[in-house]
PDB file of N, CA and C in Angstrom:
ATOM      1  N   MET A   1      -3.923 118.375  34.020  1.00  0.00           N
ATOM      2  CA  MET A   1      -3.050 117.963  35.412  1.00  0.00           C
ATOM      3  C   MET A   1      -2.102 118.764  35.488  1.00  0.00           C
ATOM      4  N   ASN A   2      -1.827 119.211  36.982  1.00  0.00           N
ATOM      5  CA  ASN A   2      -0.585 119.889  37.046  1.00  0.00           C
ATOM      6  C   ASN A   2       0.446 119.153  37.780  1.00  0.00           C
ATOM      7  N   ALA A   3       1.661 119.561  38.039  1.00  0.00           N
ATOM      8  CA  ALA A   3       2.582 118.661  38.708  1.00  0.00           C
ATOM      9  C   ALA A   3       2.329 118.272  39.908  1.00  0.00           C
ATOM     10  N   ASP A   4       1.830 119.181  40.809  1.00  0.00           N
ATOM     11  CA  ASP A   4       1.522 118.732  42.156  1.00  0.00           C
ATOM     12  C   ASP A   4       0.302 117.582  42.108  1.00  0.00           C
ATOM     13  N   GLU A   5      -0.548 117.602  41.262  1.00  0.00           N
ATOM     14  CA  GLU A   5      -1.697 116.337  41.195  1.00  0.00           C
ATOM     15  C   GLU A   5      -0.965 115.260  40.737  1.00  0.00           C
ATOM     16  N   VAL A   6      -0.092 115.417  39.753  1.00  0.00           N
ATOM     17  CA  VAL A   6       0.776 114.091  39.652  1.00  0.00           C
ATOM     18  C   VAL A   6       1.479 113.491  40.656  1.00  0.00           C
ATOM     19  N   ALA A   7       2.082 114.283  41.346  1.00  0.00           N
ATOM     20  CA  ALA A   7       2.966 114.131  42.660  1.00  0.00           C
ATOM     21  C   ALA A   7       2.202 113.218  43.665  1.00  0.00           C
ATOM     22  N   GLN A   8       0.718 113.622  43.897  1.00  0.00           N
ATOM     23  CA  GLN A   8       0.067 113.460  44.888  1.00  0.00           C
ATOM     24  C   GLN A   8      -0.453 111.741  44.453  1.00  0.00           C
ATOM     25  N   LEU A   9      -0.708 111.692  43.149  1.00  0.00           N
ATOM     26  CA  LEU A   9      -1.378 110.609  42.753  1.00  0.00           C
ATOM     27  C   LEU A   9      -0.166 109.603  42.847  1.00  0.00           C
ATOM     28  N   CYS A  10       1.220 109.827  42.576  1.00  0.00           N
ATOM     29  CA  CYS A  10       2.343 108.832  42.444  1.00  0.00           C
ATOM     30  C   CYS A  10       2.474 108.341  44.072  1.00  0.00           C
ATOM     31  N   GLU A  11       2.289 109.420  44.709  1.00  0.00           N
ATOM     32  CA  GLU A  11       2.391 109.039  46.423  1.00  0.00           C
ATOM     33  C   GLU A  11       1.295 107.952  46.827  1.00  0.00           C
ATOM     34  N   ALA A  12       0.179 108.039  46.190  1.00  0.00           N
ATOM     35  CA  ALA A  12      -0.706 107.176  46.541  1.00  0.00           C
ATOM     36  C   ALA A  12      -0.591 105.626  45.989  1.00  0.00           C
ATOM     37  N   LEU A  13       0.233 105.567  45.076  1.00  0.00           N
ATOM     38  CA  LEU A  13       0.537 104.418  44.483  1.00  0.00           C
ATOM     39  C   LEU A  13       1.294 103.331  45.314  1.00  0.00           C
ATOM     40  N   THR A  14       0.787 102.323  45.674  1.00  0.00           N
ATOM     41  CA  THR A  14       1.685 101.348  46.640  1.00  0.00           C
ATOM     42  C   THR A  14       1.179  99.886  46.060  1.00  0.00           C
ATOM     43  N   LEU A  15       2.343  99.225  46.585  1.00  0.00           N
ATOM     44  CA  LEU A  15       1.910  97.512  46.415  1.00  0.00           C
ATOM     45  C   LEU A  15       1.465  96.782  47.616  1.00  0.00           C
ATOM     46  N   GLN A  16       0.461  96.099  47.690  1.00  0.00           N
ATOM     47  CA  GLN A  16      -0.155  95.746  48.745  1.00  0.00           C
ATOM     48  C   GLN A  16      -0.351  94.353  48.754  1.00  0.00           C
ATOM     49  N   ASP A  17      -0.306  93.313  49.915  1.00  0.00           N
ATOM     50  CA  ASP A  17      -0.503  92.130  49.971  1.00  0.00           C
ATOM     51  C   ASP A  17      -1.812  91.452  49.231  1.00  0.00           C
ATOM     52  N   LEU A  18      -2.818  92.379  49.164  1.00  0.00           N
ATOM     53  CA  LEU A  18      -3.964  91.800  48.409  1.00  0.00           C
ATOM     54  C   LEU A  18      -3.807  91.578  46.937  1.00  0.00           C
ATOM     55  N   GLU A  19      -2.802  91.938  46.562  1.00  0.00           N
ATOM     56  CA  GLU A  19      -2.361  91.534  45.083  1.00  0.00           C
ATOM     57  C   GLU A  19      -2.212  90.332  44.820  1.00  0.00           C
ATOM     58  N   GLY A  20      -2.048  89.329  45.716  1.00  0.00           N
ATOM     59  CA  GLY A  20      -2.035  88.072  45.359  1.00  0.00           C
ATOM     60  C   GLY A  20      -0.468  87.568  45.687  1.00  0.00           C
ATOM     61  N   PRO A  21      -0.270  86.395  45.630  1.00  0.00           N
ATOM     62  CA  PRO A  21       1.332  85.694  45.875  1.00  0.00           C
ATOM     63  C   PRO A  21       2.117  85.719  44.574  1.00  0.00           C
ATOM     64  N   LEU A  22       3.029  85.779  44.671  1.00  0.00           N
ATOM     65  CA  LEU A  22       3.887  85.665  43.308  1.00  0.00           C
ATOM     66  C   LEU A  22       4.024  84.281  42.972  1.00  0.00           C
ATOM     67  N   MET A  23       3.990  84.069  41.594  1.00  0.00           N
ATOM     68  CA  MET A  23       4.157  82.662  41.430  1.00  0.00           C
ATOM     69  C   MET A  23       5.351  82.268  40.804  1.00  0.00           C
ATOM     70  N   PRO A  24       6.134  81.294  41.257  1.00  0.00           N
ATOM     71  CA  PRO A  24       7.373  80.977  40.843  1.00  0.00           C
ATOM     72  C   PRO A  24       7.317  80.657  39.328  1.00  0.00           C
ATOM     73  N   LEU A  25       8.646  80.782  38.891  1.00  0.00           N
ATOM     74  CA  LEU A  25       8.767  80.256  37.359  1.00  0.00           C
ATOM     75  C   LEU A  25       8.682  78.706  37.250  1.00  0.00           C
ATOM     76  N   GLN A  26       8.228  78.228  36.037  1.00  0.00           N
ATOM     77  CA  GLN A  26       8.158  76.903  35.964  1.00  0.00           C
ATOM     78  C   GLN A  26       9.661  76.437  35.795  1.00  0.00           C
ATOM     79  N   ALA A  27       9.894  75.081  36.329  1.00  0.00           N
ATOM     80  CA  ALA A  27      11.283  74.436  36.637  1.00  0.00           C
ATOM     81  C   ALA A  27      11.645  73.879  35.150  1.00  0.00           C
ATOM     82  N   ASP A  28      10.662  73.867  34.405  1.00  0.00           N
ATOM     83  CA  ASP A  28      11.197  73.255  32.954  1.00  0.00           C
ATOM     84  C   ASP A  28      11.174  74.385  31.881  1.00  0.00           C
ATOM     85  N   LEU A  29      11.132  75.615  32.362  1.00  0.00           N
ATOM     86  CA  LEU A  29      11.187  76.809  31.244  1.00  0.00           C
ATOM     87  C   LEU A  29      12.478  76.734  30.550  1.00  0.00           C
ATOM     88  N   LYS A  30      13.446  76.665  31.087  1.00  0.00           N
ATOM     89  CA  LYS A  30      14.644  76.662  30.270  1.00  0.00           C
ATOM     90  C   LYS A  30      14.729  75.442  29.393  1.00  0.00           C
ATOM     91  N   ASN A  31      14.301  74.245  29.786  1.00  0.00           N
ATOM     92  CA  ASN A  31      14.242  73.175  29.070  1.00  0.00           C
ATOM     93  C   ASN A  31      13.383  73.260  27.788  1.00  0.00           C
ATOM     94  N   ASP A  32      12.395  73.980  27.907  1.00  0.00           N
ATOM     95  CA  ASP A  32      11.293  74.425  26.939  1.00  0.00           C
ATOM     96  C   ASP A  32      11.928  75.115  25.894  1.00  0.00           C
ATOM     97  N   GLY A  33      12.832  76.175  26.391  1.00  0.00           N
ATOM     98  CA  GLY A  33      13.336  77.185  25.522  1.00  0.00           C
ATOM     99  C   GLY A  33      14.408  76.486  24.642  1.00  0.00           C
ATOM    100  N   LYS A  34      15.104  75.375  25.192  1.00  0.00           N
ATOM    101  CA  LYS A  34      16.148  74.741  24.599  1.00  0.00           C
ATOM    102  C   LYS A  34      15.427  73.779  23.412  1.00  0.00           C
ATOM    103  N   ARG A  35      14.271  73.306  23.631  1.00  0.00           N
ATOM    104  CA  ARG A  35      13.579  72.390  22.851  1.00  0.00           C
ATOM    105  C   ARG A  35      13.202  73.358  21.788  1.00  0.00           C
ATOM    106  N   ARG A  36      12.574  74.666  21.809  1.00  0.00           N
ATOM    107  CA  ARG A  36      12.213  75.259  20.750  1.00  0.00           C
ATOM    108  C   ARG A  36      13.231  75.838  20.028  1.00  0.00           C
ATOM    109  N   LEU A  37      14.401  76.154  20.519  1.00  0.00           N
ATOM    110  CA  LEU A  37      15.546  76.723  19.814  1.00  0.00           C
ATOM    111  C   LEU A  37      16.176  75.526  18.942  1.00  0.00           C
ATOM    112  N   ALA A  38      16.000  74.094  19.396  1.00  0.00           N
ATOM    113  CA  ALA A  38      16.157  72.963  18.649  1.00  0.00           C
ATOM    114  C   ALA A  38      15.536  72.832  17.172  1.00  0.00           C
ATOM    115  N   LEU A  39      14.421  73.680  17.255  1.00  0.00           N
ATOM    116  CA  LEU A  39      13.468  73.647  15.973  1.00  0.00           C
ATOM    117  C   LEU A  39      13.762  74.726  15.128  1.00  0.00           C
ATOM    118  N   ARG A  40      14.719  75.633  15.574  1.00  0.00           N
ATOM    119  CA  ARG A  40      14.628  76.920  14.752  1.00  0.00           C
ATOM    120  C   ARG A  40      16.016  76.773  13.902  1.00  0.00           C
ATOM    121  N   LEU A  41      15.875  77.619  12.794  1.00  0.00           N
ATOM    122  CA  LEU A  41      17.075  78.118  11.929  1.00  0.00           C
ATOM    123  C   LEU A  41      16.840  79.356  11.533  1.00  0.00           C
ATOM    124  N   VAL A  42      18.068  80.004  11.251  1.00  0.00           N
ATOM    125  CA  VAL A  42      18.118  81.364  10.771  1.00  0.00           C
ATOM    126  C   VAL A  42      18.651  81.416   9.511  1.00  0.00           C
ATOM    127  N   GLY A  43      17.965  82.141   8.501  1.00  0.00           N
ATOM    128  CA  GLY A  43      18.575  82.207   7.085  1.00  0.00           C
ATOM    129  C   GLY A  43      18.645  83.457   6.331  1.00  0.00           C
ATOM    130  N   LYS A  44      19.491  83.612   5.595  1.00  0.00           N
ATOM    131  CA  LYS A  44      19.914  85.116   4.807  1.00  0.00           C
ATOM    132  C   LYS A  44      19.999  84.916   3.417  1.00  0.00           C
ATOM    133  N   ILE A  45      19.271  85.455   2.546  1.00  0.00           N
ATOM    134  CA  ILE A  45      19.316  85.462   1.218  1.00  0.00           C
ATOM    135  C   ILE A  45      20.403  86.358   0.692  1.00  0.00           C
ATOM    136  N   LEU A  46      21.369  86.032   0.281  1.00  0.00           N
ATOM    137  CA  LEU A  46      22.635  86.732  -0.036  1.00  0.00           C
ATOM    138  C   LEU A  46      22.275  87.464  -1.601  1.00  0.00           C
ATOM    139  N   SER A  47      21.806  88.601  -1.535  1.00  0.00           N
ATOM    140  CA  SER A  47      21.311  89.194  -2.820  1.00  0.00           C
ATOM    141  C   SER A  47      21.464  90.720  -2.376  1.00  0.00           C
ATOM    142  N   ASN A  48      21.790  91.578  -3.196  1.00  0.00           N
ATOM    143  CA  ASN A  48      21.816  92.951  -3.216  1.00  0.00           C
ATOM    144  C   ASN A  48      20.579  93.568  -3.240  1.00  0.00           C
ATOM    145  N   LYS A  49      19.490  92.714  -3.690  1.00  0.00           N
ATOM    146  CA  LYS A  49      18.055  93.304  -3.727  1.00  0.00           C
ATOM    147  C   LYS A  49      17.518  92.584  -2.901  1.00  0.00           C
ATOM    148  N   LEU A  50      16.190  93.237  -2.233  1.00  0.00           N
ATOM    149  CA  LEU A  50      15.294  92.511  -1.368  1.00  0.00           C
ATOM    150  C   LEU A  50      14.361  91.601  -2.094  1.00  0.00           C
ATOM    151  N   VAL A  51      14.137  90.481  -1.597  1.00  0.00           N
ATOM    152  CA  VAL A  51      13.338  89.625  -2.194  1.00  0.00           C
ATOM    153  C   VAL A  51      12.039  89.723  -1.969  1.00  0.00           C
ATOM    154  N   ASN A  52      10.962  89.445  -2.569  1.00  0.00           N
ATOM    155  CA  ASN A  52       9.527  89.542  -2.365  1.00  0.00           C
ATOM    156  C   ASN A  52       9.391  88.609  -1.238  1.00  0.00           C
ATOM    157  N   ARG A  53       9.206  88.965  -0.073  1.00  0.00           N
ATOM    158  CA  ARG A  53       9.009  88.351   1.010  1.00  0.00           C
ATOM    159  C   ARG A  53       7.749  87.410   1.019  1.00  0.00           C
ATOM    160  N   ASP A  54       6.716  87.988   0.736  1.00  0.00           N
ATOM    161  CA  ASP A  54       5.666  87.105   0.616  1.00  0.00           C
ATOM    162  C   ASP A  54       5.533  85.954  -0.305  1.00  0.00           C
ATOM    163  N   VAL A  55       6.173  86.158  -1.502  1.00  0.00           N
ATOM    164  CA  VAL A  55       6.582  84.947  -2.304  1.00  0.00           C
ATOM    165  C   VAL A  55       7.623  83.959  -1.867  1.00  0.00           C
ATOM    166  N   PHE A  56       8.560  84.286  -1.094  1.00  0.00           N
ATOM    167  CA  PHE A  56       9.606  83.581  -0.442  1.00  0.00           C
ATOM    168  C   PHE A  56       8.722  82.925   0.559  1.00  0.00           C
ATOM    169  N   MET A  57       8.002  83.367   1.582  1.00  0.00           N
ATOM    170  CA  MET A  57       7.477  82.810   2.451  1.00  0.00           C
ATOM    171  C   MET A  57       6.451  81.446   2.269  1.00  0.00           C
ATOM    172  N   HIS A  58       5.785  81.950   1.141  1.00  0.00           N
ATOM    173  CA  HIS A  58       4.997  81.078   0.409  1.00  0.00           C
ATOM    174  C   HIS A  58       5.487  79.879  -0.496  1.00  0.00           C
ATOM    175  N   LEU A  59       6.823  79.928  -0.910  1.00  0.00           N
ATOM    176  CA  LEU A  59       7.248  79.089  -1.767  1.00  0.00           C
ATOM    177  C   LEU A  59       8.180  78.031  -1.323  1.00  0.00           C
ATOM    178  N   ILE A  60       8.949  78.574  -0.331  1.00  0.00           N
ATOM    179  CA  ILE A  60      10.101  77.979   0.502  1.00  0.00           C
ATOM    180  C   ILE A  60       9.540  76.685   1.260  1.00  0.00           C
ATOM    181  N   PRO A  61       8.545  76.645   1.924  1.00  0.00           N
ATOM    182  CA  PRO A  61       8.141  75.277   2.346  1.00  0.00           C
ATOM    183  C   PRO A  61       7.832  74.310   1.245  1.00  0.00           C
ATOM    184  N   ARG A  62       7.435  74.618   0.131  1.00  0.00           N
ATOM    185  CA  ARG A  62       7.283  73.984  -1.128  1.00  0.00           C
ATOM    186  C   ARG A  62       8.489  73.392  -1.539  1.00  0.00           C
ATOM    187  N   ILE A  63       9.489  74.171  -1.631  1.00  0.00           N
ATOM    188  CA  ILE A  63      10.514  73.900  -2.189  1.00  0.00           C
ATOM    189  C   ILE A  63      11.351  73.017  -1.457  1.00  0.00           C
ATOM    190  N   TRP A  64      11.235  73.159   0.069  1.00  0.00           N
ATOM    191  CA  TRP A  64      11.665  72.518   0.868  1.00  0.00           C
ATOM    192  C   TRP A  64      11.145  70.852   1.145  1.00  0.00           C
ATOM    193  N   LYS A  65       9.874  71.000   0.534  1.00  0.00           N
ATOM    194  CA  LYS A  65       9.075  69.783   0.842  1.00  0.00           C
ATOM    195  C   LYS A  65       8.820  69.425   2.309  1.00  0.00           C
ATOM    196  N   ILE A  66       8.312  70.212   3.098  1.00  0.00           N
ATOM    197  CA  ILE A  66       8.256  70.285   4.631  1.00  0.00           C
ATOM    198  C   ILE A  66       6.864  69.494   4.790  1.00  0.00           C
ATOM    199  N   LYS A  67       6.864  68.458   5.644  1.00  0.00           N
ATOM    200  CA  LYS A  67       5.993  67.620   5.814  1.00  0.00           C
ATOM    201  C   LYS A  67       5.072  67.849   7.117  1.00  0.00           C
ATOM    202  N   GLN A  68       5.849  68.821   8.132  1.00  0.00           N
ATOM    203  CA  GLN A  68       4.615  68.817   9.300  1.00  0.00           C
ATOM    204  C   GLN A  68       4.670  70.351   9.557  1.00  0.00           C
ATOM    205  N   GLY A  69       5.096  71.278   8.614  1.00  0.00           N
ATOM    206  CA  GLY A  69       5.029  72.685   8.773  1.00  0.00           C
ATOM    207  C   GLY A  69       6.192  73.505   9.089  1.00  0.00           C
ATOM    208  N   VAL A  70       6.345  74.440   8.835  1.00  0.00           N
ATOM    209  CA  VAL A  70       7.277  75.651   9.242  1.00  0.00           C
ATOM    210  C   VAL A  70       6.625  77.121   9.409  1.00  0.00           C
ATOM    211  N   GLU A  71       6.925  77.690  10.418  1.00  0.00           N
ATOM    212  CA  GLU A  71       6.519  79.185  10.356  1.00  0.00           C
ATOM    213  C   GLU A  71       7.802  80.080  10.287  1.00  0.00           C
ATOM    214  N   ILE A  72       7.572  80.966   9.321  1.00  0.00           N
ATOM    215  CA  ILE A  72       8.706  81.847   8.762  1.00  0.00           C
ATOM    216  C   ILE A  72       8.369  83.340   9.209  1.00  0.00           C
ATOM    217  N   GLU A  73       9.524  83.903  10.028  1.00  0.00           N
ATOM    218  CA  GLU A  73       9.326  85.383  10.270  1.00  0.00           C
ATOM    219  C   GLU A  73      10.179  86.083   9.738  1.00  0.00           C
ATOM    220  N   VAL A  74      10.018  87.330   9.249  1.00  0.00           N
ATOM    221  CA  VAL A  74      11.156  88.016   8.529  1.00  0.00           C
ATOM    222  C   VAL A  74      11.838  88.841   9.854  1.00  0.00           C
ATOM    223  N   VAL A  75      13.192  88.870   9.915  1.00  0.00           N
ATOM    224  CA  VAL A  75      13.887  89.413  10.872  1.00  0.00           C
ATOM    225  C   VAL A  75      14.169  90.865  10.598  1.00  0.00           C
ATOM    226  N   ASP A  76      14.948  90.841   9.331  1.00  0.00           N
ATOM    227  CA  ASP A  76      15.427  92.323   8.903  1.00  0.00           C
ATOM    228  C   ASP A  76      15.827  92.145   7.479  1.00  0.00           C
ATOM    229  N   GLY A  77      15.239  92.840   6.361  1.00  0.00           N
ATOM    230  CA  GLY A  77      15.832  92.729   5.253  1.00  0.00           C
ATOM    231  C   GLY A  77      15.511  91.213   4.686  1.00  0.00           C
ATOM    232  N   ASN A  78      16.629  90.595   4.238  1.00  0.00           N
ATOM    233  CA  ASN A  78      16.652  89.205   3.622  1.00  0.00           C
ATOM    234  C   ASN A  78      17.113  88.378   4.877  1.00  0.00           C
ATOM    235  N   VAL A  79      16.691  88.648   5.979  1.00  0.00           N
ATOM    236  CA  VAL A  79      17.232  87.541   7.010  1.00  0.00           C
ATOM    237  C   VAL A  79      15.915  87.125   7.561  1.00  0.00           C
ATOM    238  N   PHE A  80      15.703  85.636   7.642  1.00  0.00           N
ATOM    239  CA  PHE A  80      14.546  85.281   7.980  1.00  0.00           C
ATOM    240  C   PHE A  80      14.758  84.221   9.299  1.00  0.00           C
ATOM    241  N   SER A  81      13.754  84.003  10.038  1.00  0.00           N
ATOM    242  CA  SER A  81      13.699  82.930  11.176  1.00  0.00           C
ATOM    243  C   SER A  81      12.792  81.920  10.887  1.00  0.00           C
ATOM    244  N   PHE A  82      12.903  80.582  10.908  1.00  0.00           N
ATOM    245  CA  PHE A  82      12.312  79.300  10.475  1.00  0.00           C
ATOM    246  C   PHE A  82      12.068  78.560  11.901  1.00  0.00           C
ATOM    247  N   THR A  83      10.878  78.250  12.173  1.00  0.00           N
ATOM    248  CA  THR A  83      10.433  77.679  13.525  1.00  0.00           C
ATOM    249  C   THR A  83       9.933  76.222  12.842  1.00  0.00           C
ATOM    250  N   PHE A  84      10.440  75.159  12.724  1.00  0.00           N
ATOM    251  CA  PHE A  84       9.757  74.021  12.227  1.00  0.00           C
ATOM    252  C   PHE A  84       8.950  73.313  13.473  1.00  0.00           C
ATOM    253  N   LYS A  85       7.943  72.374  12.823  1.00  0.00           N
ATOM    254  CA  LYS A  85       7.263  71.594  13.642  1.00  0.00           C
ATOM    255  C   LYS A  85       7.842  70.373  14.230  1.00  0.00           C
ATOM    256  N   CYS A  86       8.861  69.905  13.302  1.00  0.00           N
ATOM    257  CA  CYS A  86       9.392  68.506  13.884  1.00  0.00           C
ATOM    258  C   CYS A  86      10.959  68.718  13.400  1.00  0.00           C
ATOM    259  N   THR A  87      11.806  68.099  14.251  1.00  0.00           N
ATOM    260  CA  THR A  87      13.414  68.178  14.199  1.00  0.00           C
ATOM    261  C   THR A  87      13.642  67.434  12.827  1.00  0.00           C
ATOM    262  N   GLU A  88      12.863  66.316  12.210  1.00  0.00           N
ATOM    263  CA  GLU A  88      13.208  65.766  11.081  1.00  0.00           C
ATOM    264  C   GLU A  88      13.253  66.699   9.706  1.00  0.00           C
ATOM    265  N   ASP A  89      12.225  67.475   9.786  1.00  0.00           N
ATOM    266  CA  ASP A  89      11.980  68.387   8.920  1.00  0.00           C
ATOM    267  C   ASP A  89      13.337  69.667   8.948  1.00  0.00           C
ATOM    268  N   ARG A  90      13.630  70.190   9.951  1.00  0.00           N
ATOM    269  CA  ARG A  90      14.886  70.893  10.278  1.00  0.00           C
ATOM    270  C   ARG A  90      16.020  70.186   9.935  1.00  0.00           C
ATOM    271  N   GLN A  91      16.197  68.992  10.181  1.00  0.00           N
ATOM    272  CA  GLN A  91      17.605  68.332   9.639  1.00  0.00           C
ATOM    273  C   GLN A  91      17.718  68.053   8.396  1.00  0.00           C
ATOM    274  N   MET A  92      16.485  67.752   7.906  1.00  0.00           N
ATOM    275  CA  MET A  92      16.465  67.560   6.307  1.00  0.00           C
ATOM    276  C   MET A  92      16.561  68.955   5.463  1.00  0.00           C
ATOM    277  N   VAL A  93      16.224  69.977   5.950  1.00  0.00           N
ATOM    278  CA  VAL A  93      16.519  71.505   5.149  1.00  0.00           C
ATOM    279  C   VAL A  93      17.967  71.670   5.484  1.00  0.00           C
ATOM    280  N   LEU A  94      18.303  71.501   6.920  1.00  0.00           N
ATOM    281  CA  LEU A  94      20.061  72.134   7.071  1.00  0.00           C
ATOM    282  C   LEU A  94      20.892  71.141   6.469  1.00  0.00           C
ATOM    283  N   HIS A  95      20.669  70.021   6.224  1.00  0.00           N
ATOM    284  CA  HIS A  95      21.653  69.111   5.563  1.00  0.00           C
ATOM    285  C   HIS A  95      21.405  68.740   3.776  1.00  0.00           C
ATOM    286  N   GLY A  96      20.077  69.090   3.505  1.00  0.00           N
ATOM    287  CA  GLY A  96      19.721  69.234   2.144  1.00  0.00           C
ATOM    288  C   GLY A  96      20.306  70.255   1.102  1.00  0.00           C
ATOM    289  N   GLY A  97      20.928  71.237   1.693  1.00  0.00           N
ATOM    290  CA  GLY A  97      21.230  72.383   0.688  1.00  0.00           C
ATOM    291  C   GLY A  97      22.840  72.128  -0.027  1.00  0.00           C
ATOM    292  N   PRO A  98      22.969  73.030  -0.757  1.00  0.00           N
ATOM    293  CA  PRO A  98      22.747  74.539  -0.352  1.00  0.00           C
ATOM    294  C   PRO A  98      21.475  74.755  -1.061  1.00  0.00           C
ATOM    295  N   TRP A  99      20.833  75.569  -0.576  1.00  0.00           N
ATOM    296  CA  TRP A  99      19.413  76.298  -1.239  1.00  0.00           C
ATOM    297  C   TRP A  99      19.682  77.600  -1.818  1.00  0.00           C
ATOM    298  N   ARG A 100      18.925  77.811  -3.055  1.00  0.00           N
ATOM    299  CA  ARG A 100      18.805  79.065  -3.565  1.00  0.00           C
ATOM    300  C   ARG A 100      17.452  79.536  -3.656  1.00  0.00           C
ATOM    301  N   PHE A 101      17.325  80.862  -3.836  1.00  0.00           N
ATOM    302  CA  PHE A 101      15.907  81.457  -4.297  1.00  0.00           C
ATOM    303  C   PHE A 101      16.287  82.770  -4.978  1.00  0.00           C
ATOM    304  N   ASP A 102      15.511  82.748  -6.018  1.00  0.00           N
ATOM    305  CA  ASP A 102      15.618  84.187  -6.811  1.00  0.00           C
ATOM    306  C   ASP A 102      16.966  84.132  -7.408  1.00  0.00           C
ATOM    307  N   LYS A 103      17.790  83.055  -7.531  1.00  0.00           N
ATOM    308  CA  LYS A 103      19.137  83.104  -8.143  1.00  0.00           C
ATOM    309  C   LYS A 103      20.161  83.642  -7.102  1.00  0.00           C
ATOM    310  N   ALA A 104      19.603  83.528  -5.864  1.00  0.00           N
ATOM    311  CA  ALA A 104      20.930  83.945  -4.698  1.00  0.00           C
ATOM    312  C   ALA A 104      20.632  82.602  -3.811  1.00  0.00           C
ATOM    313  N   LEU A 105      21.880  82.470  -3.156  1.00  0.00           N
ATOM    314  CA  LEU A 105      22.089  81.620  -2.174  1.00  0.00           C
ATOM    315  C   LEU A 105      21.324  82.000  -0.949  1.00  0.00           C
ATOM    316  N   LEU A 106      20.817  80.782  -0.331  1.00  0.00           N
ATOM    317  CA  LEU A 106      20.060  80.941   0.989  1.00  0.00           C
ATOM    318  C   LEU A 106      21.224  80.318   2.112  1.00  0.00           C
ATOM    319  N   VAL A 107      21.702  81.208   2.826  1.00  0.00           N
ATOM    320  CA  VAL A 107      22.652  80.611   3.916  1.00  0.00           C
ATOM    321  C   VAL A 107      21.951  80.388   5.308  1.00  0.00           C
ATOM    322  N   LEU A 108      21.969  79.108   5.752  1.00  0.00           N
ATOM    323  CA  LEU A 108      21.218  78.714   6.696  1.00  0.00           C
ATOM    324  C   LEU A 108      22.203  78.680   8.105  1.00  0.00           C
ATOM    325  N   VAL A 109      21.760  79.129   9.165  1.00  0.00           N
ATOM    326  CA  VAL A 109      22.614  78.905  10.548  1.00  0.00           C
ATOM    327  C   VAL A 109      21.879  78.485  11.502  1.00  0.00           C
ATOM    328  N   GLU A 110      22.463  77.548  12.466  1.00  0.00           N
ATOM    329  CA  GLU A 110      21.801  77.028  13.652  1.00  0.00           C
ATOM    330  C   GLU A 110      21.977  78.191  14.845  1.00  0.00           C
ATOM    331  N   PRO A 111      20.839  78.807  15.362  1.00  0.00           N
ATOM    332  CA  PRO A 111      21.246  79.963  16.406  1.00  0.00           C
ATOM    333  C   PRO A 111      21.566  79.241  17.582  1.00  0.00           C
ATOM    334  N   THR A 112      22.577  79.622  18.371  1.00  0.00           N
ATOM    335  CA  THR A 112      22.973  79.173  19.795  1.00  0.00           C
ATOM    336  C   THR A 112      22.261  79.692  20.910  1.00  0.00           C
ATOM    337  N   GLY A 113      21.286  80.602  20.726  1.00  0.00           N
ATOM    338  CA  GLY A 113      20.433  81.151  21.880  1.00  0.00           C
ATOM    339  C   GLY A 113      21.356  82.262  22.537  1.00  0.00           C
ATOM    340  N   LYS A 114      22.546  82.481  22.206  1.00  0.00           N
ATOM    341  CA  LYS A 114      23.165  83.696  22.646  1.00  0.00           C
ATOM    342  C   LYS A 114      23.141  84.605  21.672  1.00  0.00           C
ATOM    343  N   GLY A 115      22.914  86.059  21.932  1.00  0.00           N
ATOM    344  CA  GLY A 115      22.976  87.188  20.832  1.00  0.00           C
ATOM    345  C   GLY A 115      21.740  87.406  20.232  1.00  0.00           C
ATOM    346  N   ASP A 116      22.107  88.469  19.297  1.00  0.00           N
ATOM    347  CA  ASP A 116      20.972  89.023  18.360  1.00  0.00           C
ATOM    348  C   ASP A 116      21.133  88.425  17.068  1.00  0.00           C
ATOM    349  N   ILE A 117      20.120  88.006  16.499  1.00  0.00           N
ATOM    350  CA  ILE A 117      19.913  87.373  15.116  1.00  0.00           C
ATOM    351  C   ILE A 117      20.589  88.189  14.175  1.00  0.00           C
ATOM    352  N   LYS A 118      20.391  89.734  14.451  1.00  0.00           N
ATOM    353  CA  LYS A 118      21.128  90.599  13.454  1.00  0.00           C
ATOM    354  C   LYS A 118      22.250  90.644  13.371  1.00  0.00           C
ATOM    355  N   GLU A 119      23.016  90.187  14.652  1.00  0.00           N
ATOM    356  CA  GLU A 119      24.422  89.926  14.534  1.00  0.00           C
ATOM    357  C   GLU A 119      25.067  88.743  14.080  1.00  0.00           C
ATOM    358  N   ILE A 120      24.494  87.748  13.621  1.00  0.00           N
ATOM    359  CA  ILE A 120      24.887  86.549  13.064  1.00  0.00           C
ATOM    360  C   ILE A 120      25.550  86.751  11.679  1.00  0.00           C
ATOM    361  N   SER A 121      26.820  86.010  11.691  1.00  0.00           N
ATOM    362  CA  SER A 121      27.415  86.161  10.314  1.00  0.00           C
ATOM    363  C   SER A 121      27.154  85.075   9.505  1.00  0.00           C
ATOM    364  N   PHE A 122      26.512  85.453   8.371  1.00  0.00           N
ATOM    365  CA  PHE A 122      26.173  84.562   7.348  1.00  0.00           C
ATOM    366  C   PHE A 122      27.248  84.376   6.042  1.00  0.00           C
ATOM    367  N   ASN A 123      28.434  83.929   6.686  1.00  0.00           N
ATOM    368  CA  ASN A 123      29.455  83.963   5.628  1.00  0.00           C
ATOM    369  C   ASN A 123      30.046  82.473   5.310  1.00  0.00           C
ATOM    370  N   LYS A 124      29.336  81.461   5.751  1.00  0.00           N
ATOM    371  CA  LYS A 124      29.524  80.093   5.258  1.00  0.00           C
ATOM    372  C   LYS A 124      28.395  79.377   4.957  1.00  0.00           C
ATOM    373  N   GLU A 125      28.601  78.276   4.033  1.00  0.00           N
ATOM    374  CA  GLU A 125      27.345  77.569   3.749  1.00  0.00           C
ATOM    375  C   GLU A 125      28.181  76.093   3.082  1.00  0.00           C
ATOM    376  N   ALA A 126      27.799  74.977   3.279  1.00  0.00           N
ATOM    377  CA  ALA A 126      28.423  73.858   3.135  1.00  0.00           C
ATOM    378  C   ALA A 126      27.705  73.604   1.666  1.00  0.00           C
ATOM    379  N   PHE A 127      28.848  73.242   0.649  1.00  0.00           N
ATOM    380  CA  PHE A 127      28.504  72.607  -0.625  1.00  0.00           C
ATOM    381  C   PHE A 127      28.804  70.936  -0.885  1.00  0.00           C
TER     382      PHE A 127
END
């Protein structure tokens, strides 16, 4: 295909009313985001070496004795995102520390919803 053919195809592209009406966003979308954020923690294992992610993701719910479940996602390196099924499990984990894994401290932070997880400073943990 040459440039003239591509230009002709681009000119033929149009939006038409036949594509259907626009759908408004759900009014409670923001509240749903706040509810999901209230079930989330972000954690970093303070170690110079990478932990075995599969072992960590398998063992940490057992160590924490989670009752209703937690989804764990790798963010970057030794940084993980934890999404709990209930606020009771989240609160128990947050206030039940300090937590350790593989002889290293696990620092947990409550995300605020603003900014990138990679920019969170994991420099405090309550003892």
